[in-house]
Amino acid sequence: MMYTISKNLKLTSIILMVTGFIGLTYGFLAAPSNYEEAKKMYPEYGNSTNEVVKVSESSNDKLYIAQHDENHKEHLLHKLQNRPWAALYVAALFFFFISLGTIAFYAIQRASQSGWSPVLYRVMEGITAYLLPGGIVVFVILLLSCLHFNHLFIWMDADVVAEDKIIRDKIGYLNIPFFLARALFFIFGWALYRYFSRKFSLAQDKANDIVNHKRNFKISAAFLVFYIVTESIMSWDWIMSIDPHWFSTLFGWYVFASMFVTAISVIALITIYLKSEGYLDFVNDSHIHDLAKFMFGISIFWTYLWFSQFMLIWYSNIPEEVTYFMTRIEDYSLPFWGMIVLNFLFPLLVIMNSDYKRMNLIVSTVGIVIVIGHYIDIFNMIMPSAVGDKWFIGIPEIGGFMFFLGLFMYVVFHELQKAPLLAKGDPFVDESKSFHY
């Protein structure tokens, strides 16, 4: 059966995009253009150092304090100007990561010759349709950052690099041409796999042999090697380099776990939605059960990585490392600890029971909570370094989420109506249709 997007769903996605765009626009217009406007927003950040200058006898002291005051003003202004950019970047990354996590899950199913999942292939292919447009949006934001439209990445500021030995020592890797080249290479490689895997999948439906299935198997196995390397480097480039003084060898895996569990949750949500609309009658509660098992298991895996990274840094107590967590604990206490409840405790307690994993309402509820929880996770990764303690989940943040949610829905559901929802040519499709756990 062919899927047709409903008028209500199409209208909802458009309304989300328009409303979200207005919210983002407001965020950019409300951002201060100079220090005087920033000072009005935060009066407590006034020229307190001027009083010190008056009592200082040394001209060198006066010069130092004046320079410190200017740096302070510039720092505050940049943080406040970063907020709408950070809200845009967090939302753009988050929805792109859903597609990127889905393509990894899809490639794993193809490479492992999985027998339970072929009935879900078209749903996964629909979600991965967002990979290229979402990747282009992220790249444009990175390009604008490189052109100094914002101050998200401090290592892109030549004055900062000149005064910072740690960043200066990383200039062979953290430089704009190499940074953009890597980003283009990653997005091109991921999109190329998506193009050919989709092409072979559709061709297999009309074929009399399984040549296209074998091709998909081969490129999926190769892609997974490419993916796990590029995903790690991407997480260093696009997220960790926002705070270039800090690093974690677990970070690539941590980001992967976050996007992976969110992607599986979205697969479950879209599958349950399509079933409620009268589609996917070949998907049974055992398929939903398996998706819920992955949601449960990867939530535990994410928590393990979160705790490992946190515990090791806390235990070693190295000042350059603990600063990362101290900033989040002190200035982002609610989202920092709140995401543990949303991403770990809630899934653990609700879908631990096997019977609950078969109930669409419960799986949908957990899926929505996981999606929100991992948006907050991405928020926690980026905001503290980008905007410091000047954060708030307000109009620009909600607007960014709504805009990209609408765009994601529009792209995914339009892609779903381009091909039958059952990959009928797959050699494992009959096994998948009769799957029972």
Protein backbone atom coordinates (compact mmCIF):
# COMPACT_ATOMS: atom_id res chain seq x y z
CA MET A 1 0.00 0.00 0.00
CA MET A 2 1.24 3.46 -0.92
CA TYR A 3 1.28 6.09 1.78
CA THR A 4 -0.28 9.52 1.20
CA ILE A 5 0.56 12.36 3.53
CA SER A 6 -2.55 13.82 5.16
CA LYS A 7 -3.49 17.47 4.76
CA ASN A 8 -3.44 17.90 8.55
CA LEU A 9 0.10 16.54 8.82
CA LYS A 10 1.32 18.70 5.95
CA LEU A 11 -0.35 21.77 7.44
CA THR A 12 1.08 20.99 10.88
CA SER A 13 4.63 20.76 9.50
CA ILE A 14 4.23 24.09 7.67
CA ILE A 15 2.79 25.81 10.76
CA LEU A 16 5.69 24.48 12.84
CA MET A 17 8.22 25.82 10.32
CA VAL A 18 6.58 29.25 10.08
CA THR A 19 6.12 29.60 13.84
CA GLY A 20 9.64 28.34 14.50
CA PHE A 21 11.09 30.75 11.94
CA ILE A 22 9.32 33.65 13.64
CA GLY A 23 10.72 32.52 17.02
CA LEU A 24 14.25 32.28 15.65
CA THR A 25 13.92 35.67 13.94
CA TYR A 26 12.81 37.19 17.23
CA GLY A 27 15.86 35.66 18.92
CA PHE A 28 18.24 37.27 16.44
CA LEU A 29 16.47 40.64 16.58
CA ALA A 30 16.43 40.61 20.40
CA ALA A 31 20.16 39.89 20.67
CA PRO A 32 22.20 42.99 21.66
CA SER A 33 24.23 44.72 18.96
CA ASN A 34 26.58 46.50 21.38
CA TYR A 35 27.72 46.41 24.99
CA GLU A 36 25.32 49.14 26.14
CA GLU A 37 22.36 47.01 25.06
CA ALA A 38 23.92 43.97 26.74
CA LYS A 39 24.42 45.97 29.94
CA LYS A 40 20.72 46.92 29.97
CA MET A 41 19.81 43.24 29.71
CA TYR A 42 22.20 42.35 32.57
CA PRO A 43 22.81 45.45 34.75
CA GLU A 44 24.91 43.42 37.19
CA TYR A 45 27.62 43.24 34.50
CA GLY A 46 28.45 46.95 34.69
CA ASN A 47 31.84 48.67 34.62
CA SER A 48 32.85 47.55 38.09
CA THR A 49 36.53 47.65 37.18
CA ASN A 50 36.49 51.43 36.64
CA GLU A 51 36.50 52.01 40.40
CA VAL A 52 39.63 49.91 40.68
CA VAL A 53 41.36 52.02 38.06
CA LYS A 54 40.79 55.16 40.12
CA VAL A 55 42.66 53.87 43.13
CA SER A 56 45.46 52.24 41.20
CA GLU A 57 48.72 54.18 41.16
CA SER A 58 50.58 52.27 38.42
CA SER A 59 49.99 53.16 34.80
CA ASN A 60 50.64 49.51 33.91
CA ASP A 61 47.92 48.48 36.36
CA LYS A 62 45.56 50.99 34.80
CA LEU A 63 46.32 49.66 31.33
CA TYR A 64 45.86 46.06 32.47
CA ILE A 65 42.56 46.77 34.21
CA ALA A 66 41.25 48.79 31.27
CA GLN A 67 42.16 45.96 28.91
CA HIS A 68 40.53 43.46 31.25
CA ASP A 69 37.39 45.59 31.27
CA GLU A 70 37.27 45.69 27.47
CA ASN A 71 37.75 41.93 27.29
CA HIS A 72 34.98 41.49 29.84
CA LYS A 73 32.61 43.65 27.79
CA GLU A 74 33.44 41.82 24.58
CA HIS A 75 33.05 38.44 26.26
CA LEU A 76 29.59 39.30 27.63
CA LEU A 77 28.44 40.72 24.29
CA HIS A 78 29.60 37.64 22.38
CA LYS A 79 27.84 35.28 24.79
CA LEU A 80 24.52 37.12 24.44
CA GLN A 81 24.88 37.35 20.65
CA ASN A 82 25.62 33.63 20.52
CA ARG A 83 22.29 32.63 22.07
CA PRO A 84 20.10 32.66 18.92
CA TRP A 85 22.93 31.07 16.92
CA ALA A 86 23.34 28.37 19.54
CA ALA A 87 19.57 27.75 19.61
CA LEU A 88 19.64 27.39 15.82
CA TYR A 89 22.69 25.13 15.90
CA VAL A 90 21.40 22.85 18.68
CA ALA A 91 18.10 22.22 16.87
CA ALA A 92 19.76 21.79 13.46
CA LEU A 93 22.26 19.28 14.88
CA PHE A 94 19.63 17.41 16.86
CA PHE A 95 17.34 16.63 13.93
CA PHE A 96 20.27 15.92 11.65
CA PHE A 97 21.54 13.44 14.25
CA ILE A 98 18.18 11.62 14.16
CA SER A 99 18.70 10.95 10.47
CA LEU A 100 22.38 10.13 10.97
CA GLY A 101 21.58 7.68 13.78
CA THR A 102 18.85 6.07 11.67
CA ILE A 103 21.19 5.44 8.76
CA ALA A 104 23.59 3.68 11.14
CA PHE A 105 20.77 1.49 12.46
CA TYR A 106 19.64 0.79 8.88
CA ALA A 107 23.17 -0.13 7.78
CA ILE A 108 23.52 -2.48 10.76
CA GLN A 109 20.30 -4.28 9.74
CA ARG A 110 21.53 -4.60 6.16
CA ALA A 111 25.04 -5.74 7.07
CA SER A 112 23.83 -8.25 9.66
CA GLN A 113 21.25 -9.72 7.25
CA SER A 114 18.63 -9.19 9.95
CA GLY A 115 15.43 -11.17 9.57
CA TRP A 116 13.11 -9.16 11.82
CA SER A 117 13.53 -5.64 10.44
CA PRO A 118 12.90 -5.58 6.63
CA VAL A 119 9.27 -4.53 7.18
CA LEU A 120 10.68 -1.33 8.73
CA TYR A 121 13.15 -0.54 5.93
CA ARG A 122 10.91 1.99 4.20
CA VAL A 123 10.33 3.87 7.45
CA MET A 124 14.09 4.07 8.00
CA GLU A 125 14.66 5.15 4.40
CA GLY A 126 12.07 7.88 4.85
CA ILE A 127 13.85 9.23 7.93
CA THR A 128 17.25 9.16 6.22
CA ALA A 129 15.85 11.36 3.44
CA TYR A 130 16.48 14.23 5.85
CA LEU A 131 20.20 13.43 5.91
CA LEU A 132 21.20 15.58 2.92
CA PRO A 133 19.02 18.67 3.54
CA GLY A 134 19.76 18.49 7.26
CA GLY A 135 23.48 18.13 6.55
CA ILE A 136 23.42 21.12 4.21
CA VAL A 137 21.77 23.27 6.89
CA VAL A 138 24.41 22.26 9.46
CA PHE A 139 27.20 22.94 6.97
CA VAL A 140 25.82 26.40 6.21
CA ILE A 141 25.81 27.21 9.95
CA LEU A 142 29.41 25.97 10.21
CA LEU A 143 30.36 28.04 7.16
CA LEU A 144 28.76 31.17 8.63
CA SER A 145 30.69 30.50 11.84
CA CYS A 146 33.92 30.33 9.84
CA LEU A 147 32.98 33.65 8.21
CA HIS A 148 32.68 35.14 11.73
CA PHE A 149 28.91 35.71 11.70
CA ASN A 150 28.96 34.36 15.26
CA HIS A 151 31.37 33.38 18.03
CA LEU A 152 30.32 29.78 18.65
CA PHE A 153 33.82 28.42 17.96
CA ILE A 154 36.37 30.56 19.79
CA TRP A 155 39.29 28.86 18.01
CA MET A 156 38.14 30.60 14.80
CA ASP A 157 39.04 33.99 16.35
CA ALA A 158 42.63 34.91 15.41
CA ASP A 159 43.02 37.17 18.46
CA VAL A 160 42.02 34.34 20.80
CA VAL A 161 44.42 31.92 19.10
CA ALA A 162 47.27 34.42 19.37
CA GLU A 163 46.85 34.61 23.15
CA ASP A 164 45.99 30.98 23.87
CA LYS A 165 48.83 28.45 23.73
CA ILE A 166 46.54 25.42 24.07
CA ILE A 167 44.48 26.41 21.03
CA ARG A 168 47.59 27.53 19.14
CA ASP A 169 49.10 24.07 19.59
CA LYS A 170 46.02 22.56 17.90
CA ILE A 171 46.07 24.85 14.88
CA GLY A 172 47.30 22.08 12.58
CA TYR A 173 43.94 20.38 13.10
CA LEU A 174 41.67 23.23 14.19
CA ASN A 175 41.94 25.52 11.19
CA ILE A 176 39.07 26.70 9.03
CA PRO A 177 39.97 25.17 5.60
CA PHE A 178 40.62 21.71 7.09
CA PHE A 179 37.54 22.00 9.31
CA LEU A 180 35.22 22.76 6.36
CA ALA A 181 36.87 20.13 4.17
CA ARG A 182 36.24 17.47 6.81
CA ALA A 183 32.61 18.56 7.17
CA LEU A 184 32.04 18.34 3.42
CA PHE A 185 33.72 14.94 3.27
CA PHE A 186 31.57 13.55 6.11
CA ILE A 187 28.26 14.81 4.74
CA PHE A 188 29.10 13.69 1.20
CA GLY A 189 30.07 10.19 2.36
CA TRP A 190 26.96 9.72 4.50
CA ALA A 191 24.66 11.07 1.77
CA LEU A 192 26.35 8.93 -0.89
CA TYR A 193 25.65 5.74 1.07
CA ARG A 194 22.06 6.81 1.61
CA TYR A 195 21.62 7.43 -2.12
CA PHE A 196 22.92 4.03 -3.21
CA SER A 197 21.29 2.02 -0.43
CA ARG A 198 17.91 3.57 -1.26
CA LYS A 199 18.52 3.00 -4.97
CA PHE A 200 19.37 -0.69 -4.48
CA SER A 201 16.45 -1.15 -2.08
CA LEU A 202 13.92 0.17 -4.62
CA ALA A 203 15.55 -1.76 -7.46
CA GLN A 204 15.29 -4.99 -5.47
CA ASP A 205 11.49 -4.68 -5.44
CA LYS A 206 11.42 -5.07 -9.24
CA ALA A 207 14.27 -7.58 -9.59
CA ASN A 208 14.02 -11.33 -10.24
CA ASP A 209 17.23 -12.05 -8.33
CA ILE A 210 18.92 -10.74 -5.18
CA VAL A 211 21.83 -8.89 -6.80
CA ASN A 212 20.69 -5.54 -5.43
CA HIS A 213 20.25 -7.07 -1.98
CA LYS A 214 23.86 -8.30 -2.10
CA ARG A 215 25.06 -4.89 -3.24
CA ASN A 216 23.27 -3.32 -0.31
CA PHE A 217 24.90 -5.81 2.04
CA LYS A 218 28.40 -4.99 0.74
CA ILE A 219 28.09 -1.21 0.80
CA SER A 220 26.45 -1.33 4.24
CA ALA A 221 29.31 -3.32 5.73
CA ALA A 222 31.83 -0.89 4.22
CA PHE A 223 29.78 2.11 5.28
CA LEU A 224 29.74 1.07 8.93
CA VAL A 225 33.55 1.22 9.01
CA PHE A 226 33.45 4.66 7.39
CA TYR A 227 30.65 5.79 9.68
CA ILE A 228 32.16 4.91 13.04
CA VAL A 229 35.38 6.80 12.18
CA THR A 230 33.73 9.86 10.65
CA GLU A 231 31.04 10.07 13.35
CA SER A 232 33.70 10.28 16.05
CA ILE A 233 35.69 12.95 14.21
CA MET A 234 32.47 14.85 13.49
CA SER A 235 31.62 14.92 17.20
CA TRP A 236 35.07 16.34 17.97
CA ASP A 237 34.76 18.97 15.25
CA TRP A 238 31.15 20.10 15.51
CA ILE A 239 30.62 19.84 19.28
CA MET A 240 33.77 19.29 21.32
CA SER A 241 35.77 22.01 19.56
CA ILE A 242 33.28 24.60 20.84
CA ASP A 243 35.20 24.12 24.09
CA PRO A 244 38.70 23.51 22.67
CA HIS A 245 40.44 23.31 26.06
CA TRP A 246 38.52 20.18 27.00
CA PHE A 247 38.55 16.73 25.45
CA SER A 248 37.28 13.24 26.17
CA THR A 249 38.26 10.00 24.44
CA LEU A 250 34.72 8.72 25.08
CA PHE A 251 33.01 11.66 23.43
CA GLY A 252 32.49 10.13 19.98
CA TRP A 253 30.80 7.08 21.50
CA TYR A 254 28.75 9.27 23.82
CA VAL A 255 27.39 11.36 20.93
CA PHE A 256 26.75 8.18 18.94
CA ALA A 257 24.73 6.62 21.78
CA SER A 258 22.66 9.79 22.09
CA MET A 259 21.80 10.00 18.39
CA PHE A 260 21.32 6.22 18.09
CA VAL A 261 18.70 5.88 20.83
CA THR A 262 16.90 9.01 19.60
CA ALA A 263 16.83 7.63 16.06
CA ILE A 264 15.40 4.28 17.19
CA SER A 265 12.77 6.11 19.23
CA VAL A 266 11.75 8.16 16.17
CA ILE A 267 11.56 4.98 14.05
CA ALA A 268 9.17 3.56 16.68
CA LEU A 269 7.12 6.77 16.83
CA ILE A 270 6.68 7.01 13.05
CA THR A 271 5.91 3.29 12.78
CA ILE A 272 3.21 3.53 15.47
CA TYR A 273 1.79 6.67 13.82
CA LEU A 274 1.58 4.96 10.41
CA LYS A 275 -0.11 1.94 11.98
CA SER A 276 -2.66 4.23 13.64
CA GLU A 277 -3.41 5.68 10.19
CA GLY A 278 -4.14 2.22 8.77
CA TYR A 279 -0.75 1.53 7.18
CA LEU A 280 1.96 -1.04 8.00
CA ASP A 281 -0.51 -3.84 8.76
CA PHE A 282 2.43 -6.24 8.32
CA VAL A 283 4.17 -4.72 11.36
CA ASN A 284 3.12 -6.59 14.51
CA ASP A 285 3.64 -6.02 18.22
CA SER A 286 6.82 -8.12 18.13
CA HIS A 287 8.44 -5.54 15.85
CA ILE A 288 7.40 -2.78 18.24
CA HIS A 289 8.73 -4.92 21.10
CA ASP A 290 12.14 -5.19 19.43
CA LEU A 291 12.33 -1.45 18.80
CA ALA A 292 11.44 -0.86 22.46
CA LYS A 293 14.19 -3.30 23.48
CA PHE A 294 16.69 -1.21 21.56
CA MET A 295 15.30 1.97 23.14
CA PHE A 296 15.73 0.38 26.56
CA GLY A 297 19.16 -1.13 25.91
CA ILE A 298 20.74 1.92 24.25
CA SER A 299 19.38 4.14 27.03
CA ILE A 300 21.37 1.99 29.46
CA PHE A 301 24.40 2.16 27.15
CA TRP A 302 24.14 5.96 26.94
CA THR A 303 23.98 6.16 30.74
CA TYR A 304 27.02 3.90 31.05
CA LEU A 305 29.01 6.22 28.78
CA TRP A 306 27.74 9.33 30.56
CA PHE A 307 28.74 7.93 33.95
CA SER A 308 32.10 6.64 32.70
CA GLN A 309 33.03 10.03 31.27
CA PHE A 310 31.80 11.90 34.35
CA MET A 311 33.28 9.52 36.93
CA LEU A 312 36.76 9.33 35.38
CA ILE A 313 37.03 13.11 35.08
CA TRP A 314 35.72 13.62 38.61
CA TYR A 315 38.12 10.99 39.99
CA SER A 316 41.20 12.37 38.25
CA ASN A 317 40.25 15.94 39.29
CA ILE A 318 42.40 17.64 36.65
CA PRO A 319 41.42 21.35 36.57
CA GLU A 320 41.22 21.62 32.76
CA GLU A 321 38.85 18.65 32.66
CA VAL A 322 36.58 19.21 35.67
CA THR A 323 35.79 22.74 34.48
CA TYR A 324 33.60 21.21 31.78
CA PHE A 325 31.35 19.51 34.33
CA MET A 326 31.53 22.22 36.98
CA THR A 327 30.14 24.72 34.48
CA ARG A 328 27.23 22.42 33.73
CA ILE A 329 26.53 21.44 37.33
CA GLU A 330 26.63 25.02 38.61
CA ASP A 331 25.00 26.91 35.73
CA TYR A 332 22.90 24.18 34.08
CA SER A 333 21.88 22.14 37.09
CA LEU A 334 18.27 21.49 36.00
CA PRO A 335 18.95 20.33 32.42
CA PHE A 336 22.15 18.52 33.45
CA TRP A 337 20.52 16.34 36.10
CA GLY A 338 17.10 16.42 34.45
CA MET A 339 18.32 14.59 31.37
CA ILE A 340 19.41 11.68 33.58
CA VAL A 341 15.79 11.30 34.66
CA LEU A 342 14.46 11.60 31.10
CA ASN A 343 17.10 9.51 29.35
CA PHE A 344 17.77 6.85 31.96
CA LEU A 345 15.34 6.54 34.86
CA PHE A 346 12.13 7.00 32.88
CA PRO A 347 12.94 4.43 30.14
CA LEU A 348 14.38 2.07 32.76
CA LEU A 349 11.30 2.08 34.96
CA VAL A 350 8.62 2.20 32.28
CA ILE A 351 9.72 -0.25 29.58
CA MET A 352 11.69 -2.72 31.67
CA ASN A 353 8.56 -4.89 31.65
CA SER A 354 8.40 -6.99 28.47
CA ASP A 355 4.63 -6.59 28.12
CA TYR A 356 4.90 -2.80 28.17
CA LYS A 357 7.25 -2.96 25.18
CA ARG A 358 4.28 -4.20 23.09
CA MET A 359 1.93 -1.39 24.07
CA ASN A 360 1.91 1.39 21.47
CA LEU A 361 0.83 4.08 23.91
CA ILE A 362 3.59 3.31 26.39
CA VAL A 363 6.28 2.96 23.71
CA SER A 364 5.13 6.26 22.14
CA THR A 365 5.23 8.03 25.50
CA VAL A 366 8.73 6.74 26.26
CA GLY A 367 9.84 7.64 22.73
CA ILE A 368 8.66 11.25 23.11
CA VAL A 369 10.40 11.54 26.49
CA ILE A 370 13.64 10.15 25.03
CA VAL A 371 13.48 12.62 22.12
CA ILE A 372 13.02 15.55 24.50
CA GLY A 373 15.69 14.19 26.86
CA HIS A 374 18.30 13.92 24.13
CA TYR A 375 17.50 17.35 22.76
CA ILE A 376 18.42 18.55 26.27
CA ASP A 377 21.54 16.39 26.02
CA ILE A 378 22.67 18.20 22.84
CA PHE A 379 21.66 21.48 24.52
CA ASN A 380 23.97 20.64 27.44
CA MET A 381 26.84 19.81 25.10
CA ILE A 382 26.76 23.16 23.28
CA MET A 383 25.13 25.91 25.33
CA PRO A 384 27.51 26.17 28.33
CA SER A 385 30.52 26.89 26.12
CA ALA A 386 28.57 28.97 23.60
CA VAL A 387 26.51 31.22 25.89
CA GLY A 388 27.86 30.55 29.39
CA ASP A 389 25.36 31.18 32.16
CA LYS A 390 23.20 33.41 29.89
CA TRP A 391 20.95 30.52 28.93
CA PHE A 392 17.23 30.02 28.96
CA ILE A 393 14.87 27.69 27.09
CA GLY A 394 12.83 30.54 25.67
CA ILE A 395 11.50 31.77 22.35
CA PRO A 396 14.63 31.19 20.18
CA GLU A 397 15.23 27.70 21.61
CA ILE A 398 11.60 26.62 21.25
CA GLY A 399 11.43 28.32 17.85
CA GLY A 400 14.51 26.44 16.63
CA PHE A 401 13.08 23.12 17.80
CA MET A 402 9.71 23.83 16.14
CA PHE A 403 11.25 24.94 12.85
CA PHE A 404 13.44 21.89 12.43
CA LEU A 405 10.71 19.55 13.69
CA GLY A 406 8.43 20.92 10.97
CA LEU A 407 11.15 20.63 8.33
CA PHE A 408 11.98 17.08 9.47
CA MET A 409 8.32 16.02 9.32
CA TYR A 410 7.83 17.60 5.90
CA VAL A 411 10.87 15.91 4.35
CA VAL A 412 10.36 12.49 5.95
CA PHE A 413 6.66 12.06 5.27
CA HIS A 414 6.98 13.32 1.70
CA GLU A 415 9.68 10.73 1.14
CA LEU A 416 7.50 7.97 2.61
CA GLN A 417 4.87 8.50 -0.09
CA LYS A 418 7.37 8.02 -2.92
CA ALA A 419 7.57 4.22 -2.62
CA PRO A 420 5.51 1.30 -1.25
CA LEU A 421 5.87 0.95 2.53
CA LEU A 422 6.91 -2.69 2.19
CA ALA A 423 10.28 -3.66 0.69
CA LYS A 424 8.62 -6.64 -0.99
CA GLY A 425 11.70 -7.67 -2.98
CA ASP A 426 13.90 -8.24 0.05
CA PRO A 427 14.69 -11.96 0.45
CA PHE A 428 13.99 -11.75 4.20
CA VAL A 429 10.68 -9.93 3.95
CA ASP A 430 8.53 -13.04 4.49
CA GLU A 431 10.55 -13.94 7.57
CA SER A 432 10.13 -10.39 8.81
CA LYS A 433 6.37 -10.38 8.24
CA SER A 434 5.96 -13.57 10.27
CA PHE A 435 8.39 -12.48 12.98
CA HIS A 436 7.26 -13.34 16.48
CA TYR A 437 9.17 -12.83 19.69
